[in-house]
Amino acid sequence: MVAYKQDLCIINNVMKTKYWSGAHTRHRLMVHIAWIPKYRKRLLNGALAERIRELIQECADVNRWHIEELNIQPDHVHMILQFKPDMSISKMVQRFKGKSSRIVRLEFPELEEFYWGDSFWGDGFFAETTGNVGLDRIKAYVRNQ
């Protein structure tokens, strides 16, 4: 297992994660991810939303990812996540959705009224990489090397 070290910078007395280092890497990989409950049911509120928040945070902690932002709306989940280069985005989403789906369906049996089958989350997800610099600036940098 590769040990990752975080470089932190302090801005206005707040620590911000900047770059992570691995054995032979230095990176800051950030992604905006969103997904919906099956049938886009507007059920993600109250105790259910809080439990999903806990499960998502637990999954991130276990996998040593950093959740920069997490927002649970009644019909979808949004997050900005910093991650390591050893895992694909689809595998990360699979871990978030798989574990939370299984536990939520066990702990909230009243959901059976709205859902049947084995899944709580809808198929698929949205993902977009994020960064501090716009695409045009990066293109110019690469072009002018």
C-alpha atoms as a PDB file:
ATOM      1  CA  MET A   1       0.000   0.000   0.000  1.00  0.00           C
ATOM      2  CA  VAL A   2       1.337   3.408  -0.947  1.00  0.00           C
ATOM      3  CA  ALA A   3       1.504   5.924   1.876  1.00  0.00           C
ATOM      4  CA  TYR A   4       0.203   9.329   0.862  1.00  0.00           C
ATOM      5  CA  LYS A   5       1.287  12.548   2.471  1.00  0.00           C
ATOM      6  CA  GLN A   6      -0.718  15.741   2.296  1.00  0.00           C
ATOM      7  CA  ASP A   7       0.840  19.147   1.777  1.00  0.00           C
ATOM      8  CA  LEU A   8      -1.240  21.701   3.601  1.00  0.00           C
ATOM      9  CA  CYS A   9      -1.281  25.425   3.212  1.00  0.00           C
ATOM     10  CA  ILE A  10      -2.825  27.865   5.654  1.00  0.00           C
ATOM     11  CA  ILE A  11      -5.025  30.627   4.248  1.00  0.00           C
ATOM     12  CA  ASN A  12      -6.742  33.017   6.668  1.00  0.00           C
ATOM     13  CA  ASN A  13      -6.026  30.622   9.561  1.00  0.00           C
ATOM     14  CA  VAL A  14      -7.788  27.754   7.728  1.00  0.00           C
ATOM     15  CA  MET A  15      -5.863  24.674   6.597  1.00  0.00           C
ATOM     16  CA  LYS A  16      -6.528  23.770   2.969  1.00  0.00           C
ATOM     17  CA  THR A  17      -5.410  20.552   1.332  1.00  0.00           C
ATOM     18  CA  LYS A  18      -3.194  21.398  -1.590  1.00  0.00           C
ATOM     19  CA  TYR A  19      -1.102  18.563  -3.018  1.00  0.00           C
ATOM     20  CA  TRP A  20      -0.784  14.931  -2.012  1.00  0.00           C
ATOM     21  CA  SER A  21       2.413  12.950  -2.499  1.00  0.00           C
ATOM     22  CA  GLY A  22       2.806   9.226  -3.081  1.00  0.00           C
ATOM     23  CA  ALA A  23       5.908   7.095  -3.652  1.00  0.00           C
ATOM     24  CA  HIS A  24       6.549   8.617  -7.089  1.00  0.00           C
ATOM     25  CA  THR A  25       3.680  11.048  -7.565  1.00  0.00           C
ATOM     26  CA  ARG A  26       2.604  14.524  -6.611  1.00  0.00           C
ATOM     27  CA  HIS A  27      -0.983  15.365  -7.368  1.00  0.00           C
ATOM     28  CA  ARG A  28      -4.145  17.284  -6.606  1.00  0.00           C
ATOM     29  CA  LEU A  29      -6.953  15.366  -8.278  1.00  0.00           C
ATOM     30  CA  MET A  30     -10.390  16.864  -7.665  1.00  0.00           C
ATOM     31  CA  VAL A  31     -13.713  15.752  -9.121  1.00  0.00           C
ATOM     32  CA  HIS A  32     -17.294  16.965  -8.875  1.00  0.00           C
ATOM     33  CA  ILE A  33     -19.597  13.933  -8.618  1.00  0.00           C
ATOM     34  CA  ALA A  34     -23.402  13.772  -8.511  1.00  0.00           C
ATOM     35  CA  TRP A  35     -25.912  10.927  -8.464  1.00  0.00           C
ATOM     36  CA  ILE A  36     -29.609  10.382  -7.825  1.00  0.00           C
ATOM     37  CA  PRO A  37     -31.802   7.946  -5.915  1.00  0.00           C
ATOM     38  CA  LYS A  38     -33.628   5.398  -8.041  1.00  0.00           C
ATOM     39  CA  TYR A  39     -36.593   6.971  -9.867  1.00  0.00           C
ATOM     40  CA  ARG A  40     -35.281  10.359  -8.658  1.00  0.00           C
ATOM     41  CA  LYS A  41     -37.546  10.093  -5.633  1.00  0.00           C
ATOM     42  CA  ARG A  42     -37.351  13.159  -3.370  1.00  0.00           C
ATOM     43  CA  LEU A  43     -36.585  11.213  -0.182  1.00  0.00           C
ATOM     44  CA  LEU A  44     -33.126  12.445   0.826  1.00  0.00           C
ATOM     45  CA  ASN A  45     -34.000  14.531   3.850  1.00  0.00           C
ATOM     46  CA  GLY A  46     -34.127  14.260   7.649  1.00  0.00           C
ATOM     47  CA  ALA A  47     -32.648  11.169   9.268  1.00  0.00           C
ATOM     48  CA  LEU A  48     -32.134   9.447   5.910  1.00  0.00           C
ATOM     49  CA  ALA A  49     -30.060  12.335   4.535  1.00  0.00           C
ATOM     50  CA  GLU A  50     -28.015  12.515   7.730  1.00  0.00           C
ATOM     51  CA  ARG A  51     -27.307   8.764   7.643  1.00  0.00           C
ATOM     52  CA  ILE A  52     -26.267   8.985   3.988  1.00  0.00           C
ATOM     53  CA  ARG A  53     -23.941  11.868   4.878  1.00  0.00           C
ATOM     54  CA  GLU A  54     -22.346   9.715   7.605  1.00  0.00           C
ATOM     55  CA  LEU A  55     -21.941   6.736   5.266  1.00  0.00           C
ATOM     56  CA  ILE A  56     -20.390   8.854   2.510  1.00  0.00           C
ATOM     57  CA  GLN A  57     -17.948  10.429   4.976  1.00  0.00           C
ATOM     58  CA  GLU A  58     -17.070   7.010   6.414  1.00  0.00           C
ATOM     59  CA  CYS A  59     -16.398   5.642   2.921  1.00  0.00           C
ATOM     60  CA  ALA A  60     -14.154   8.617   2.121  1.00  0.00           C
ATOM     61  CA  ASP A  61     -12.257   8.226   5.400  1.00  0.00           C
ATOM     62  CA  VAL A  62     -11.686   4.497   4.936  1.00  0.00           C
ATOM     63  CA  ASN A  63     -10.378   5.070   1.404  1.00  0.00           C
ATOM     64  CA  ARG A  64      -8.330   8.128   2.433  1.00  0.00           C
ATOM     65  CA  TRP A  65     -10.173  10.525   0.135  1.00  0.00           C
ATOM     66  CA  HIS A  66     -10.997  14.092   1.153  1.00  0.00           C
ATOM     67  CA  ILE A  67     -14.514  15.484   0.717  1.00  0.00           C
ATOM     68  CA  GLU A  68     -14.096  19.169  -0.035  1.00  0.00           C
ATOM     69  CA  GLU A  69     -17.872  19.768  -0.241  1.00  0.00           C
ATOM     70  CA  LEU A  70     -20.910  17.543   0.216  1.00  0.00           C
ATOM     71  CA  ASN A  71     -24.502  18.614  -0.415  1.00  0.00           C
ATOM     72  CA  ILE A  72     -27.434  16.240  -0.148  1.00  0.00           C
ATOM     73  CA  GLN A  73     -30.564  17.554  -1.840  1.00  0.00           C
ATOM     74  CA  PRO A  74     -33.947  15.774  -1.638  1.00  0.00           C
ATOM     75  CA  ASP A  75     -33.397  14.161  -5.068  1.00  0.00           C
ATOM     76  CA  HIS A  76     -29.618  14.057  -5.582  1.00  0.00           C
ATOM     77  CA  VAL A  77     -26.178  14.064  -3.975  1.00  0.00           C
ATOM     78  CA  HIS A  78     -23.353  16.424  -4.987  1.00  0.00           C
ATOM     79  CA  MET A  79     -19.767  16.293  -3.783  1.00  0.00           C
ATOM     80  CA  ILE A  80     -16.344  17.619  -4.594  1.00  0.00           C
ATOM     81  CA  LEU A  81     -13.766  14.997  -3.757  1.00  0.00           C
ATOM     82  CA  GLN A  82      -9.976  14.915  -3.700  1.00  0.00           C
ATOM     83  CA  PHE A  83      -8.676  11.458  -4.528  1.00  0.00           C
ATOM     84  CA  LYS A  84      -5.549   9.456  -5.284  1.00  0.00           C
ATOM     85  CA  PRO A  85      -4.526   8.409  -8.806  1.00  0.00           C
ATOM     86  CA  ASP A  86      -4.742   4.694  -8.024  1.00  0.00           C
ATOM     87  CA  MET A  87      -8.517   4.449  -8.437  1.00  0.00           C
ATOM     88  CA  SER A  88     -10.939   5.330 -11.217  1.00  0.00           C
ATOM     89  CA  ILE A  89     -13.836   7.699 -10.665  1.00  0.00           C
ATOM     90  CA  SER A  90     -16.343   4.967 -11.538  1.00  0.00           C
ATOM     91  CA  LYS A  91     -14.843   2.668  -8.878  1.00  0.00           C
ATOM     92  CA  MET A  92     -15.068   5.457  -6.273  1.00  0.00           C
ATOM     93  CA  VAL A  93     -18.733   6.081  -7.093  1.00  0.00           C
ATOM     94  CA  GLN A  94     -19.374   2.333  -6.933  1.00  0.00           C
ATOM     95  CA  ARG A  95     -17.962   2.274  -3.397  1.00  0.00           C
ATOM     96  CA  PHE A  96     -20.006   5.287  -2.271  1.00  0.00           C
ATOM     97  CA  LYS A  97     -23.271   4.050  -3.779  1.00  0.00           C
ATOM     98  CA  GLY A  98     -22.859   0.321  -3.052  1.00  0.00           C
ATOM     99  CA  LYS A  99     -22.205   0.512   0.652  1.00  0.00           C
ATOM    100  CA  SER A 100     -24.701   3.275   1.354  1.00  0.00           C
ATOM    101  CA  SER A 101     -27.440   1.526  -0.654  1.00  0.00           C
ATOM    102  CA  ARG A 102     -27.070  -1.721   1.272  1.00  0.00           C
ATOM    103  CA  ILE A 103     -27.018  -0.078   4.710  1.00  0.00           C
ATOM    104  CA  VAL A 104     -29.812   2.424   4.009  1.00  0.00           C
ATOM    105  CA  ARG A 105     -32.142  -0.320   2.808  1.00  0.00           C
ATOM    106  CA  LEU A 106     -31.478  -2.316   5.998  1.00  0.00           C
ATOM    107  CA  GLU A 107     -31.805   0.622   8.396  1.00  0.00           C
ATOM    108  CA  PHE A 108     -34.827   2.267   6.718  1.00  0.00           C
ATOM    109  CA  PRO A 109     -37.250  -0.581   5.922  1.00  0.00           C
ATOM    110  CA  GLU A 110     -40.006   1.935   5.126  1.00  0.00           C
ATOM    111  CA  LEU A 111     -38.176   2.584   1.841  1.00  0.00           C
ATOM    112  CA  GLU A 112     -39.559  -0.718   0.521  1.00  0.00           C
ATOM    113  CA  GLU A 113     -42.763   1.197  -0.192  1.00  0.00           C
ATOM    114  CA  PHE A 114     -40.901   3.211  -2.844  1.00  0.00           C
ATOM    115  CA  TYR A 115     -38.169   0.818  -3.981  1.00  0.00           C
ATOM    116  CA  TRP A 116     -38.052  -2.826  -4.950  1.00  0.00           C
ATOM    117  CA  GLY A 117     -35.042  -4.850  -5.962  1.00  0.00           C
ATOM    118  CA  ASP A 118     -31.597  -4.469  -4.506  1.00  0.00           C
ATOM    119  CA  SER A 119     -30.637  -0.895  -5.295  1.00  0.00           C
ATOM    120  CA  PHE A 120     -31.416   2.423  -3.662  1.00  0.00           C
ATOM    121  CA  TRP A 121     -29.466   4.612  -6.093  1.00  0.00           C
ATOM    122  CA  GLY A 122     -30.227   5.180  -9.755  1.00  0.00           C
ATOM    123  CA  ASP A 123     -27.891   3.838 -12.406  1.00  0.00           C
ATOM    124  CA  GLY A 124     -25.035   6.078 -13.478  1.00  0.00           C
ATOM    125  CA  PHE A 125     -23.591   9.336 -12.201  1.00  0.00           C
ATOM    126  CA  PHE A 126     -22.262  12.716 -13.306  1.00  0.00           C
ATOM    127  CA  ALA A 127     -18.550  13.512 -12.980  1.00  0.00           C
ATOM    128  CA  GLU A 128     -16.442  16.483 -13.991  1.00  0.00           C
ATOM    129  CA  THR A 129     -12.882  17.238 -13.031  1.00  0.00           C
ATOM    130  CA  THR A 130     -12.170  20.499 -11.277  1.00  0.00           C
ATOM    131  CA  GLY A 131      -9.111  22.669 -11.029  1.00  0.00           C
ATOM    132  CA  ASN A 132      -7.760  26.040 -10.057  1.00  0.00           C
ATOM    133  CA  VAL A 133      -6.928  27.035 -13.626  1.00  0.00           C
ATOM    134  CA  GLY A 134      -9.128  27.182 -16.730  1.00  0.00           C
ATOM    135  CA  LEU A 135      -8.644  24.860 -19.696  1.00  0.00           C
ATOM    136  CA  ASP A 136      -7.419  27.653 -21.995  1.00  0.00           C
ATOM    137  CA  ARG A 137      -4.618  28.529 -19.596  1.00  0.00           C
ATOM    138  CA  ILE A 138      -3.513  24.891 -19.309  1.00  0.00           C
ATOM    139  CA  LYS A 139      -3.554  24.510 -23.105  1.00  0.00           C
ATOM    140  CA  ALA A 140      -1.379  27.617 -23.450  1.00  0.00           C
ATOM    141  CA  TYR A 141       1.041  26.252 -20.830  1.00  0.00           C
ATOM    142  CA  VAL A 142       1.358  22.891 -22.622  1.00  0.00           C
ATOM    143  CA  ARG A 143       1.656  24.550 -26.055  1.00  0.00           C
ATOM    144  CA  ASN A 144       4.437  26.888 -24.897  1.00  0.00           C
ATOM    145  CA  GLN A 145       6.699  24.352 -23.212  1.00  0.00           C
END
